[in-house]
Protein backbone atom coordinates (compact mmCIF):
# COMPACT_ATOMS: atom_id res chain seq x y z
CA UNK A 1 0.00 0.00 0.00
CA UNK A 2 1.46 3.29 -1.09
CA UNK A 3 0.68 6.56 0.72
CA UNK A 4 0.13 9.68 -1.22
CA UNK A 5 2.45 12.58 -0.32
CA UNK A 6 -0.40 14.81 0.88
CA UNK A 7 -1.51 12.14 3.38
CA UNK A 8 1.90 12.20 5.09
CA UNK A 9 1.82 15.97 5.17
CA UNK A 10 -1.69 15.92 6.66
CA UNK A 11 -0.61 13.51 9.42
CA UNK A 12 2.42 15.69 10.17
CA UNK A 13 0.30 18.87 10.35
CA UNK A 14 -2.29 17.23 12.60
CA UNK A 15 0.47 16.03 14.92
CA UNK A 16 2.02 19.48 15.03
CA UNK A 17 -1.37 21.06 15.77
CA UNK A 18 -1.96 18.63 18.64
CA UNK A 19 1.45 19.29 20.20
CA UNK A 20 1.00 23.06 19.91
CA UNK A 21 -2.50 22.96 21.40
CA UNK A 22 -1.33 20.79 24.29
CA UNK A 23 1.58 23.08 25.13
CA UNK A 24 -0.61 26.21 25.04
CA UNK A 25 -3.31 24.79 27.31
CA UNK A 26 -0.78 23.22 29.67
CA UNK A 27 0.71 26.59 30.60
CA UNK A 28 -0.67 28.22 33.72
CA UNK A 29 -0.29 31.80 34.82
CA UNK A 30 3.33 32.18 35.87
CA UNK A 31 2.90 33.23 39.50
CA UNK A 32 5.81 32.45 41.80
CA UNK A 33 5.90 32.90 45.57
CA UNK A 34 9.08 33.93 47.36
CA UNK A 35 9.28 34.06 51.16
CA UNK A 36 11.46 36.89 52.45
CA UNK A 37 13.04 37.56 55.85
CA UNK A 38 12.64 41.16 56.94
CA UNK A 39 13.81 43.16 59.98
CA UNK A 40 10.24 42.84 61.35
CA UNK A 41 9.73 39.10 60.75
CA UNK A 42 8.73 37.36 57.55
CA UNK A 43 6.97 38.47 54.39
CA UNK A 44 6.43 37.38 50.82
CA UNK A 45 6.73 38.53 47.24
CA UNK A 46 4.67 37.34 44.30
CA UNK A 47 6.28 37.47 40.88
CA UNK A 48 4.39 37.09 37.60
CA UNK A 49 6.42 36.36 34.48
CA UNK A 50 9.52 37.97 35.97
CA UNK A 51 7.82 41.08 37.39
CA UNK A 52 7.14 41.56 41.11
CA UNK A 53 3.41 42.23 41.38
CA UNK A 54 3.10 42.05 45.17
CA UNK A 55 5.76 42.90 47.76
CA UNK A 56 4.27 42.18 51.19
CA UNK A 57 6.87 42.59 53.96
CA UNK A 58 4.17 42.99 56.64
CA UNK A 59 0.93 41.29 57.62
CA UNK A 60 -1.78 42.80 55.40
CA UNK A 61 -4.50 44.68 57.21
CA UNK A 62 -2.60 45.18 60.47
CA UNK A 63 -1.63 48.64 61.63
CA UNK A 64 2.10 49.19 61.96
CA UNK A 65 4.97 47.28 60.46
CA UNK A 66 4.44 43.79 61.84
CA UNK A 67 5.90 40.98 59.78
CA UNK A 68 4.63 37.43 59.95
CA UNK A 69 5.86 35.62 63.07
CA UNK A 70 7.06 32.57 61.15
CA UNK A 71 8.16 31.64 57.67
CA UNK A 72 5.32 29.09 57.58
CA UNK A 73 2.65 31.74 58.20
CA UNK A 74 4.09 33.95 55.47
CA UNK A 75 4.03 30.96 53.10
CA UNK A 76 0.41 30.03 53.94
CA UNK A 77 -0.82 33.57 53.37
CA UNK A 78 1.26 33.98 50.21
CA UNK A 79 -0.12 30.72 48.81
CA UNK A 80 -3.68 31.91 49.49
CA UNK A 81 -2.97 35.16 47.64
CA UNK A 82 -1.46 33.25 44.69
CA UNK A 83 -4.54 31.01 44.52
CA UNK A 84 -6.77 34.10 44.38
CA UNK A 85 -4.65 35.58 41.59
CA UNK A 86 -4.86 32.33 39.61
CA UNK A 87 -8.65 32.46 39.93
CA UNK A 88 -8.59 35.98 38.48
CA UNK A 89 -9.25 37.91 41.71
CA UNK A 90 -7.47 41.24 41.61
CA UNK A 91 -6.76 42.75 43.98
CA UNK A 92 -6.46 39.51 45.98
CA UNK A 93 -7.70 41.01 49.25
CA UNK A 94 -7.57 38.93 52.44
CA UNK A 95 -10.11 39.52 55.19
CA UNK A 96 -9.42 39.33 58.92
CA UNK A 97 -11.38 36.04 59.17
CA UNK A 98 -9.28 34.56 56.32
CA UNK A 99 -6.06 35.58 58.05
CA UNK A 100 -7.32 34.12 61.32
CA UNK A 101 -8.27 30.87 59.57
CA UNK A 102 -4.70 30.63 58.26
CA UNK A 103 -3.35 31.00 61.80
CA UNK A 104 -2.30 34.65 61.65
CA UNK A 105 -3.01 36.43 64.94
CA UNK A 106 -5.23 39.40 64.09
CA UNK A 107 -4.80 41.97 66.85
């Protein structure tokens, strides 16, 4: 059985289209979380495609310059903010009850 040249080309183009489609849909928004140590405790930065979009050296919503007490708390809150950004929420505001639920003491 002999294949016609256009059939091979069609198979090649279909394969290329499938690979391209897969790679485009596989990509997620490029948000990265970095935990930072500050003079007042811990904080976080969120970077999107190489640009810092959020620099949060203090606990959001608290008066004064209080950092997170632990690296783990900064990570939990930062991860929550990243999840909001990935869902399209901007600004990704956190409420006092949300902070409390994550273990952040809200004074």
